[in-house]
Amino acid sequence: MSFIQELADKLAKDVLDSQDELKDDRFYEQVGKVLLSASPTLQEAYMTSIRIRLAEARGRDFLNRALKAKRDGSKAPDAPRDLSLGSGH
């Protein structure tokens, strides 16, 4: 990982970890604006880390719900519909 990616990923982790305390689940966007005004390169790396970390959290939540359903004998959660296939848009 490059120096910029390491900085951006550390900041992304810290921001996401702080959002509950701040009671603002979109606070990362404000930090992104601050970064954009100072360094578009760092802002791009930061937003990539944010998207990856948010996607991983959603994937992990889905996995945990599927495992819980299997263990409880209940219906497994449905995966989101793939909008890229035959949506007509």
N, C-alpha and C. Protein backbone atom coordinates (compact mmCIF):
# COMPACT_ATOMS: atom_id res chain seq x y z
N MET A 1 0.84 -1.17 0.00
CA MET A 1 0.00 0.00 0.00
C MET A 1 0.89 1.24 0.00
N SER A 2 0.52 2.22 -0.81
CA SER A 2 1.31 3.45 -0.87
C SER A 2 1.07 4.30 0.37
N PHE A 3 1.92 5.26 0.56
CA PHE A 3 1.81 6.18 1.69
C PHE A 3 0.45 6.88 1.71
N ILE A 4 0.01 7.36 0.54
CA ILE A 4 -1.28 8.04 0.46
C ILE A 4 -2.42 7.10 0.80
N GLN A 5 -2.37 5.89 0.28
CA GLN A 5 -3.42 4.91 0.59
C GLN A 5 -3.46 4.57 2.08
N GLU A 6 -2.29 4.44 2.68
CA GLU A 6 -2.23 4.14 4.11
C GLU A 6 -2.84 5.28 4.94
N LEU A 7 -2.47 6.52 4.61
CA LEU A 7 -3.03 7.67 5.31
C LEU A 7 -4.55 7.72 5.14
N ALA A 8 -5.00 7.56 3.90
CA ALA A 8 -6.42 7.64 3.60
C ALA A 8 -7.19 6.53 4.30
N ASP A 9 -6.66 5.32 4.30
CA ASP A 9 -7.37 4.21 4.92
C ASP A 9 -7.43 4.36 6.44
N LYS A 10 -6.37 4.84 7.04
CA LYS A 10 -6.37 5.07 8.49
C LYS A 10 -7.41 6.13 8.85
N LEU A 11 -7.44 7.21 8.08
CA LEU A 11 -8.42 8.26 8.33
C LEU A 11 -9.84 7.72 8.12
N ALA A 12 -10.05 6.96 7.06
CA ALA A 12 -11.38 6.38 6.79
C ALA A 12 -11.83 5.51 7.96
N LYS A 13 -10.95 4.68 8.46
CA LYS A 13 -11.28 3.82 9.61
C LYS A 13 -11.65 4.66 10.82
N ASP A 14 -10.84 5.67 11.11
CA ASP A 14 -11.08 6.51 12.27
C ASP A 14 -12.40 7.28 12.14
N VAL A 15 -12.68 7.79 10.95
CA VAL A 15 -13.92 8.54 10.73
C VAL A 15 -15.13 7.62 10.90
N LEU A 16 -15.10 6.44 10.27
CA LEU A 16 -16.23 5.51 10.40
C LEU A 16 -16.42 5.06 11.84
N ASP A 17 -15.32 4.86 12.55
CA ASP A 17 -15.42 4.47 13.96
C ASP A 17 -16.00 5.59 14.83
N SER A 18 -15.89 6.83 14.39
CA SER A 18 -16.34 7.99 15.17
C SER A 18 -17.78 8.39 14.88
N GLN A 19 -18.36 7.90 13.81
CA GLN A 19 -19.67 8.38 13.38
C GLN A 19 -20.78 8.11 14.39
N ASP A 20 -20.74 6.98 15.09
CA ASP A 20 -21.77 6.71 16.10
C ASP A 20 -21.71 7.76 17.21
N GLU A 21 -20.51 8.04 17.68
CA GLU A 21 -20.35 9.04 18.74
C GLU A 21 -20.82 10.42 18.28
N LEU A 22 -20.54 10.73 17.02
CA LEU A 22 -20.95 12.02 16.46
C LEU A 22 -22.43 12.04 16.08
N LYS A 23 -23.06 10.87 16.07
CA LYS A 23 -24.47 10.72 15.69
C LYS A 23 -24.73 11.29 14.29
N ASP A 24 -23.82 10.96 13.37
CA ASP A 24 -23.91 11.44 11.99
C ASP A 24 -23.34 10.36 11.08
N ASP A 25 -24.23 9.58 10.46
CA ASP A 25 -23.76 8.47 9.63
C ASP A 25 -23.25 8.91 8.26
N ARG A 26 -23.24 10.20 7.99
CA ARG A 26 -22.69 10.73 6.74
C ARG A 26 -21.54 11.71 7.00
N PHE A 27 -21.00 11.68 8.21
CA PHE A 27 -19.91 12.58 8.55
C PHE A 27 -18.72 12.41 7.61
N TYR A 28 -18.53 11.18 7.12
CA TYR A 28 -17.41 10.93 6.21
C TYR A 28 -17.46 11.85 4.99
N GLU A 29 -18.66 12.28 4.59
CA GLU A 29 -18.77 13.19 3.44
C GLU A 29 -18.17 14.56 3.75
N GLN A 30 -18.37 15.03 4.97
CA GLN A 30 -17.81 16.32 5.37
C GLN A 30 -16.28 16.26 5.38
N VAL A 31 -15.75 15.16 5.91
CA VAL A 31 -14.29 14.98 5.91
C VAL A 31 -13.79 14.94 4.46
N GLY A 32 -14.53 14.28 3.59
CA GLY A 32 -14.16 14.23 2.18
C GLY A 32 -14.06 15.60 1.56
N LYS A 33 -14.99 16.51 1.92
CA LYS A 33 -14.95 17.88 1.40
C LYS A 33 -13.72 18.63 1.90
N VAL A 34 -13.39 18.41 3.17
CA VAL A 34 -12.19 19.05 3.71
C VAL A 34 -10.96 18.57 2.95
N LEU A 35 -10.89 17.26 2.72
CA LEU A 35 -9.74 16.71 1.99
C LEU A 35 -9.68 17.22 0.56
N LEU A 36 -10.84 17.31 -0.09
CA LEU A 36 -10.87 17.75 -1.49
C LEU A 36 -10.29 19.15 -1.63
N SER A 37 -10.57 20.01 -0.67
CA SER A 37 -10.05 21.37 -0.77
C SER A 37 -8.54 21.43 -0.53
N ALA A 38 -8.00 20.41 0.12
CA ALA A 38 -6.56 20.39 0.42
C ALA A 38 -5.77 19.50 -0.52
N SER A 39 -6.34 18.33 -0.85
CA SER A 39 -5.62 17.37 -1.69
C SER A 39 -6.61 16.44 -2.38
N PRO A 40 -6.93 16.71 -3.64
CA PRO A 40 -7.83 15.82 -4.38
C PRO A 40 -7.32 14.37 -4.43
N THR A 41 -6.02 14.19 -4.46
CA THR A 41 -5.45 12.84 -4.50
C THR A 41 -5.76 12.09 -3.21
N LEU A 42 -5.57 12.73 -2.07
CA LEU A 42 -5.88 12.10 -0.79
C LEU A 42 -7.38 11.89 -0.66
N GLN A 43 -8.19 12.84 -1.11
CA GLN A 43 -9.64 12.70 -1.03
C GLN A 43 -10.12 11.50 -1.83
N GLU A 44 -9.56 11.30 -3.00
CA GLU A 44 -9.95 10.15 -3.84
C GLU A 44 -9.60 8.83 -3.15
N ALA A 45 -8.41 8.75 -2.59
CA ALA A 45 -8.00 7.53 -1.89
C ALA A 45 -8.86 7.30 -0.64
N TYR A 46 -9.19 8.37 0.06
CA TYR A 46 -10.03 8.31 1.25
C TYR A 46 -11.42 7.80 0.89
N MET A 47 -12.04 8.37 -0.14
CA MET A 47 -13.38 7.95 -0.53
C MET A 47 -13.39 6.49 -1.01
N THR A 48 -12.32 6.06 -1.65
CA THR A 48 -12.23 4.66 -2.04
C THR A 48 -12.20 3.78 -0.80
N SER A 49 -11.42 4.15 0.19
CA SER A 49 -11.37 3.38 1.44
C SER A 49 -12.72 3.39 2.15
N ILE A 50 -13.40 4.52 2.15
CA ILE A 50 -14.73 4.60 2.75
C ILE A 50 -15.67 3.63 2.06
N ARG A 51 -15.72 3.67 0.72
CA ARG A 51 -16.63 2.79 -0.02
C ARG A 51 -16.32 1.33 0.24
N ILE A 52 -15.04 0.98 0.25
CA ILE A 52 -14.65 -0.41 0.50
C ILE A 52 -15.04 -0.84 1.90
N ARG A 53 -14.79 0.00 2.90
CA ARG A 53 -15.12 -0.34 4.28
C ARG A 53 -16.64 -0.44 4.49
N LEU A 54 -17.41 0.45 3.88
CA LEU A 54 -18.86 0.37 3.99
C LEU A 54 -19.40 -0.88 3.30
N ALA A 55 -18.85 -1.21 2.13
CA ALA A 55 -19.28 -2.41 1.41
C ALA A 55 -18.94 -3.66 2.21
N GLU A 56 -17.76 -3.70 2.80
CA GLU A 56 -17.37 -4.86 3.61
C GLU A 56 -18.31 -5.01 4.80
N ALA A 57 -18.68 -3.91 5.43
CA ALA A 57 -19.59 -3.96 6.58
C ALA A 57 -20.96 -4.51 6.15
N ARG A 58 -21.44 -4.08 5.00
CA ARG A 58 -22.72 -4.59 4.50
C ARG A 58 -22.63 -6.08 4.18
N GLY A 59 -21.54 -6.47 3.55
CA GLY A 59 -21.34 -7.89 3.24
C GLY A 59 -21.26 -8.74 4.49
N ARG A 60 -20.55 -8.26 5.49
CA ARG A 60 -20.40 -8.98 6.75
C ARG A 60 -21.75 -9.09 7.47
N ASP A 61 -22.53 -8.00 7.45
CA ASP A 61 -23.86 -8.03 8.06
C ASP A 61 -24.74 -9.08 7.37
N PHE A 62 -24.69 -9.13 6.05
CA PHE A 62 -25.47 -10.11 5.30
C PHE A 62 -25.05 -11.53 5.67
N LEU A 63 -23.75 -11.77 5.74
CA LEU A 63 -23.24 -13.08 6.14
C LEU A 63 -23.74 -13.45 7.52
N ASN A 64 -23.64 -12.53 8.47
CA ASN A 64 -24.07 -12.81 9.85
C ASN A 64 -25.57 -13.10 9.92
N ARG A 65 -26.37 -12.36 9.15
CA ARG A 65 -27.81 -12.62 9.14
C ARG A 65 -28.13 -13.97 8.50
N ALA A 66 -27.40 -14.34 7.44
CA ALA A 66 -27.61 -15.64 6.79
C ALA A 66 -27.24 -16.78 7.73
N LEU A 67 -26.13 -16.66 8.43
CA LEU A 67 -25.72 -17.69 9.38
C LEU A 67 -26.72 -17.80 10.53
N LYS A 68 -27.18 -16.67 11.03
CA LYS A 68 -28.16 -16.69 12.12
C LYS A 68 -29.44 -17.38 11.66
N ALA A 69 -29.91 -17.08 10.46
CA ALA A 69 -31.12 -17.71 9.92
C ALA A 69 -30.93 -19.22 9.79
N LYS A 70 -29.79 -19.63 9.31
CA LYS A 70 -29.50 -21.06 9.16
C LYS A 70 -29.53 -21.75 10.53
N ARG A 71 -28.91 -21.15 11.50
CA ARG A 71 -28.83 -21.73 12.84
C ARG A 71 -30.19 -21.74 13.55
N ASP A 72 -31.00 -20.71 13.27
CA ASP A 72 -32.32 -20.62 13.90
C ASP A 72 -33.39 -21.39 13.13
N GLY A 73 -33.05 -21.82 11.91
CA GLY A 73 -34.03 -22.50 11.08
C GLY A 73 -35.03 -21.56 10.44
N SER A 74 -34.67 -20.28 10.36
CA SER A 74 -35.56 -19.30 9.74
C SER A 74 -35.12 -19.01 8.31
N LYS A 75 -35.91 -18.19 7.64
CA LYS A 75 -35.63 -17.86 6.24
C LYS A 75 -34.38 -16.98 6.14
N ALA A 76 -33.51 -17.35 5.24
CA ALA A 76 -32.29 -16.58 5.00
C ALA A 76 -32.65 -15.24 4.36
N PRO A 77 -31.86 -14.21 4.61
CA PRO A 77 -32.13 -12.91 3.98
C PRO A 77 -31.90 -13.00 2.47
N ASP A 78 -32.64 -12.20 1.74
CA ASP A 78 -32.46 -12.12 0.30
C ASP A 78 -31.33 -11.14 -0.01
N ALA A 79 -30.51 -11.52 -0.97
CA ALA A 79 -29.47 -10.61 -1.45
C ALA A 79 -30.14 -9.51 -2.26
N PRO A 80 -29.55 -8.33 -2.30
CA PRO A 80 -30.13 -7.26 -3.12
C PRO A 80 -30.22 -7.69 -4.59
N ARG A 81 -31.22 -7.19 -5.24
CA ARG A 81 -31.42 -7.48 -6.65
C ARG A 81 -30.29 -6.85 -7.46
N ASP A 82 -29.78 -7.59 -8.45
CA ASP A 82 -28.72 -7.08 -9.32
C ASP A 82 -29.34 -6.16 -10.36
N LEU A 83 -29.15 -4.86 -10.17
CA LEU A 83 -29.77 -3.88 -11.05
C LEU A 83 -29.14 -3.81 -12.43
N SER A 84 -27.98 -4.42 -12.59
CA SER A 84 -27.30 -4.35 -13.89
C SER A 84 -27.84 -5.39 -14.88
N LEU A 85 -28.65 -6.34 -14.41
CA LEU A 85 -29.15 -7.40 -15.27
C LEU A 85 -30.60 -7.16 -15.64
N GLY A 86 -30.84 -6.82 -16.89
CA GLY A 86 -32.18 -6.75 -17.43
C GLY A 86 -33.10 -5.74 -16.78
N SER A 87 -32.59 -4.68 -16.24
CA SER A 87 -33.44 -3.70 -15.60
C SER A 87 -34.06 -2.74 -16.61
N GLY A 88 -33.52 -2.71 -17.81
CA GLY A 88 -34.05 -1.81 -18.81
C GLY A 88 -33.56 -0.37 -18.67
N HIS A 89 -32.67 -0.14 -17.74
CA HIS A 89 -32.18 1.24 -17.53
C HIS A 89 -30.74 1.33 -17.93
